[in-house]
């Protein structure tokens, strides 16, 4: 086979591939499946994270109410230990991996109790795309 005939054959096959419309749905679906799965996975993971955040906020509010009774009588170390104890008893989501709770009481400008928490949660679907 000469180079000219190979070139003609390649052009003819390329042209027939370009004008062929059989199987276009499968090809387009194959191309579009990754962005679709990424969108669906991010929605599922965001909904799950929102559910964990709501449970955490509820436990944090209850913890702040329990600490407000005797926050003035405790120092910051005792307040943190009590906050962790109350929060861990109320927040029972197994998907919250690392829980950090901090409580501070400020009596200088009125009575102010601040309780904050951080929870690390793993993703289910988005870890396929590299987001933990």
C-alpha atoms as a PDB file:
ATOM      1  CA  UNK A   1       0.000   0.000   0.000  1.00  0.00           C
ATOM      2  CA  UNK A   2       1.276   3.373  -0.905  1.00  0.00           C
ATOM      3  CA  UNK A   3       1.193   6.465   1.252  1.00  0.00           C
ATOM      4  CA  UNK A   4      -1.330   8.126  -1.043  1.00  0.00           C
ATOM      5  CA  UNK A   5      -3.810   5.262  -0.751  1.00  0.00           C
ATOM      6  CA  UNK A   6      -3.413   5.202   3.032  1.00  0.00           C
ATOM      7  CA  UNK A   7      -4.065   8.930   3.138  1.00  0.00           C
ATOM      8  CA  UNK A   8      -7.192   8.591   0.989  1.00  0.00           C
ATOM      9  CA  UNK A   9      -8.426   5.683   3.096  1.00  0.00           C
ATOM     10  CA  UNK A  10      -7.841   7.629   6.339  1.00  0.00           C
ATOM     11  CA  UNK A  11      -9.708  10.696   4.980  1.00  0.00           C
ATOM     12  CA  UNK A  12     -12.598   8.519   3.776  1.00  0.00           C
ATOM     13  CA  UNK A  13     -12.878   6.783   7.189  1.00  0.00           C
ATOM     14  CA  UNK A  14     -12.604  10.091   9.051  1.00  0.00           C
ATOM     15  CA  UNK A  15     -15.316  11.625   6.881  1.00  0.00           C
ATOM     16  CA  UNK A  16     -17.615   8.634   7.352  1.00  0.00           C
ATOM     17  CA  UNK A  17     -17.045   8.865  11.124  1.00  0.00           C
ATOM     18  CA  UNK A  18     -17.920  12.577  11.115  1.00  0.00           C
ATOM     19  CA  UNK A  19     -21.161  12.189   9.147  1.00  0.00           C
ATOM     20  CA  UNK A  20     -22.339   9.029  10.903  1.00  0.00           C
ATOM     21  CA  UNK A  21     -25.173   9.847  13.321  1.00  0.00           C
ATOM     22  CA  UNK A  22     -25.853   6.396  14.751  1.00  0.00           C
ATOM     23  CA  UNK A  23     -25.074   6.121  18.467  1.00  0.00           C
ATOM     24  CA  UNK A  24     -24.847   9.858  19.148  1.00  0.00           C
ATOM     25  CA  UNK A  25     -26.962   9.584  22.276  1.00  0.00           C
ATOM     26  CA  UNK A  26     -24.593   7.052  23.809  1.00  0.00           C
ATOM     27  CA  UNK A  27     -21.569   9.182  23.000  1.00  0.00           C
ATOM     28  CA  UNK A  28     -23.142  12.339  24.407  1.00  0.00           C
ATOM     29  CA  UNK A  29     -24.288  10.494  27.509  1.00  0.00           C
ATOM     30  CA  UNK A  30     -20.791   9.110  28.003  1.00  0.00           C
ATOM     31  CA  UNK A  31     -19.341  12.605  27.777  1.00  0.00           C
ATOM     32  CA  UNK A  32     -21.984  14.181  30.020  1.00  0.00           C
ATOM     33  CA  UNK A  33     -22.049  11.549  32.784  1.00  0.00           C
ATOM     34  CA  UNK A  34     -19.069  12.960  34.717  1.00  0.00           C
ATOM     35  CA  UNK A  35     -20.442  16.500  35.157  1.00  0.00           C
ATOM     36  CA  UNK A  36     -23.878  15.084  35.969  1.00  0.00           C
ATOM     37  CA  UNK A  37     -22.428  12.775  38.639  1.00  0.00           C
ATOM     38  CA  UNK A  38     -20.358  15.632  40.064  1.00  0.00           C
ATOM     39  CA  UNK A  39     -23.451  17.841  40.326  1.00  0.00           C
ATOM     40  CA  UNK A  40     -25.590  15.131  41.919  1.00  0.00           C
ATOM     41  CA  UNK A  41     -22.791  14.135  44.299  1.00  0.00           C
ATOM     42  CA  UNK A  42     -22.208  17.708  45.414  1.00  0.00           C
ATOM     43  CA  UNK A  43     -25.930  18.174  46.097  1.00  0.00           C
ATOM     44  CA  UNK A  44     -26.096  14.964  48.147  1.00  0.00           C
ATOM     45  CA  UNK A  45     -22.979  15.867  50.140  1.00  0.00           C
ATOM     46  CA  UNK A  46     -24.164  19.456  50.697  1.00  0.00           C
ATOM     47  CA  UNK A  47     -27.535  18.210  51.968  1.00  0.00           C
ATOM     48  CA  UNK A  48     -25.774  15.809  54.312  1.00  0.00           C
ATOM     49  CA  UNK A  49     -23.464  18.573  55.591  1.00  0.00           C
ATOM     50  CA  UNK A  50     -26.455  20.839  56.142  1.00  0.00           C
ATOM     51  CA  UNK A  51     -28.140  18.123  58.206  1.00  0.00           C
ATOM     52  CA  UNK A  52     -25.015  17.702  60.346  1.00  0.00           C
ATOM     53  CA  UNK A  53     -24.772  21.486  60.771  1.00  0.00           C
ATOM     54  CA  UNK A  54     -28.395  21.682  61.943  1.00  0.00           C
ATOM     55  CA  UNK A  55     -27.854  18.921  64.509  1.00  0.00           C
ATOM     56  CA  UNK A  56     -24.638  20.609  65.656  1.00  0.00           C
ATOM     57  CA  UNK A  57     -26.376  23.983  66.018  1.00  0.00           C
ATOM     58  CA  UNK A  58     -29.156  22.438  68.095  1.00  0.00           C
ATOM     59  CA  UNK A  59     -26.649  20.717  70.393  1.00  0.00           C
ATOM     60  CA  UNK A  60     -24.620  23.926  70.636  1.00  0.00           C
ATOM     61  CA  UNK A  61     -27.674  26.005  71.595  1.00  0.00           C
ATOM     62  CA  UNK A  62     -28.624  23.533  74.303  1.00  0.00           C
ATOM     63  CA  UNK A  63     -25.041  23.498  75.562  1.00  0.00           C
ATOM     64  CA  UNK A  64     -24.994  27.290  75.802  1.00  0.00           C
ATOM     65  CA  UNK A  65     -28.257  27.290  77.737  1.00  0.00           C
ATOM     66  CA  UNK A  66     -26.946  24.682  80.179  1.00  0.00           C
ATOM     67  CA  UNK A  67     -23.670  26.578  80.676  1.00  0.00           C
ATOM     68  CA  UNK A  68     -25.370  29.919  81.182  1.00  0.00           C
ATOM     69  CA  UNK A  69     -26.733  28.816  84.553  1.00  0.00           C
ATOM     70  CA  UNK A  70     -23.377  28.695  86.298  1.00  0.00           C
ATOM     71  CA  UNK A  71     -20.874  30.204  83.817  1.00  0.00           C
ATOM     72  CA  UNK A  72     -19.962  33.080  86.152  1.00  0.00           C
ATOM     73  CA  UNK A  73     -18.826  30.667  88.874  1.00  0.00           C
ATOM     74  CA  UNK A  74     -16.420  28.716  86.602  1.00  0.00           C
ATOM     75  CA  UNK A  75     -13.092  29.615  85.058  1.00  0.00           C
ATOM     76  CA  UNK A  76     -12.355  29.046  81.348  1.00  0.00           C
ATOM     77  CA  UNK A  77     -10.874  25.566  81.840  1.00  0.00           C
ATOM     78  CA  UNK A  78     -13.866  24.303  83.786  1.00  0.00           C
ATOM     79  CA  UNK A  79     -16.197  25.971  81.301  1.00  0.00           C
ATOM     80  CA  UNK A  80     -14.512  24.176  78.370  1.00  0.00           C
ATOM     81  CA  UNK A  81     -14.738  20.793  80.097  1.00  0.00           C
ATOM     82  CA  UNK A  82     -18.424  21.331  80.891  1.00  0.00           C
ATOM     83  CA  UNK A  83     -19.103  22.509  77.336  1.00  0.00           C
ATOM     84  CA  UNK A  84     -17.439  19.418  75.848  1.00  0.00           C
ATOM     85  CA  UNK A  85     -19.351  17.142  78.192  1.00  0.00           C
ATOM     86  CA  UNK A  86     -22.735  18.711  77.416  1.00  0.00           C
ATOM     87  CA  UNK A  87     -22.088  18.944  73.682  1.00  0.00           C
ATOM     88  CA  UNK A  88     -20.857  15.349  73.324  1.00  0.00           C
ATOM     89  CA  UNK A  89     -23.912  14.106  75.213  1.00  0.00           C
ATOM     90  CA  UNK A  90     -26.254  16.016  72.875  1.00  0.00           C
ATOM     91  CA  UNK A  91     -24.485  15.666  69.523  1.00  0.00           C
ATOM     92  CA  UNK A  92     -24.686  12.009  68.612  1.00  0.00           C
ATOM     93  CA  UNK A  93     -24.067  12.038  64.862  1.00  0.00           C
ATOM     94  CA  UNK A  94     -21.576   9.276  63.996  1.00  0.00           C
ATOM     95  CA  UNK A  95     -20.537  11.033  60.793  1.00  0.00           C
ATOM     96  CA  UNK A  96     -19.050  13.953  62.740  1.00  0.00           C
ATOM     97  CA  UNK A  97     -15.437  12.809  63.031  1.00  0.00           C
ATOM     98  CA  UNK A  98     -13.425  15.444  64.873  1.00  0.00           C
ATOM     99  CA  UNK A  99     -15.391  17.573  67.326  1.00  0.00           C
ATOM    100  CA  UNK A 100     -13.912  20.715  68.881  1.00  0.00           C
ATOM    101  CA  UNK A 101     -15.889  22.773  71.418  1.00  0.00           C
ATOM    102  CA  UNK A 102     -14.777  26.054  73.018  1.00  0.00           C
ATOM    103  CA  UNK A 103     -16.582  28.163  75.593  1.00  0.00           C
ATOM    104  CA  UNK A 104     -15.632  31.616  76.898  1.00  0.00           C
ATOM    105  CA  UNK A 105     -17.343  33.825  79.447  1.00  0.00           C
ATOM    106  CA  UNK A 106     -16.785  37.586  79.501  1.00  0.00           C
ATOM    107  CA  UNK A 107     -18.121  39.488  82.501  1.00  0.00           C
ATOM    108  CA  UNK A 108     -16.312  42.777  81.789  1.00  0.00           C
ATOM    109  CA  UNK A 109     -18.895  44.255  79.409  1.00  0.00           C
ATOM    110  CA  UNK A 110     -22.026  42.624  80.782  1.00  0.00           C
ATOM    111  CA  UNK A 111     -22.424  38.890  80.915  1.00  0.00           C
ATOM    112  CA  UNK A 112     -21.438  37.301  77.628  1.00  0.00           C
ATOM    113  CA  UNK A 113     -21.124  33.564  77.052  1.00  0.00           C
ATOM    114  CA  UNK A 114     -19.716  32.378  73.726  1.00  0.00           C
ATOM    115  CA  UNK A 115     -19.792  28.715  72.749  1.00  0.00           C
ATOM    116  CA  UNK A 116     -18.512  27.530  69.380  1.00  0.00           C
ATOM    117  CA  UNK A 117     -17.948  24.129  67.850  1.00  0.00           C
ATOM    118  CA  UNK A 118     -16.260  22.644  64.815  1.00  0.00           C
ATOM    119  CA  UNK A 119     -17.073  19.255  63.329  1.00  0.00           C
ATOM    120  CA  UNK A 120     -15.168  17.582  60.502  1.00  0.00           C
ATOM    121  CA  UNK A 121     -17.320  15.499  58.166  1.00  0.00           C
ATOM    122  CA  UNK A 122     -16.204  13.270  55.300  1.00  0.00           C
ATOM    123  CA  UNK A 123     -17.914  13.483  51.913  1.00  0.00           C
ATOM    124  CA  UNK A 124     -19.418  10.420  50.306  1.00  0.00           C
ATOM    125  CA  UNK A 125     -19.644  11.205  46.602  1.00  0.00           C
ATOM    126  CA  UNK A 126     -17.245  14.099  46.127  1.00  0.00           C
ATOM    127  CA  UNK A 127     -14.250  12.131  47.387  1.00  0.00           C
ATOM    128  CA  UNK A 128     -14.373  10.454  43.962  1.00  0.00           C
ATOM    129  CA  UNK A 129     -13.546  13.868  42.488  1.00  0.00           C
ATOM    130  CA  UNK A 130     -10.888  14.645  45.106  1.00  0.00           C
ATOM    131  CA  UNK A 131     -12.880  16.614  47.719  1.00  0.00           C
ATOM    132  CA  UNK A 132     -12.698  15.049  51.171  1.00  0.00           C
END
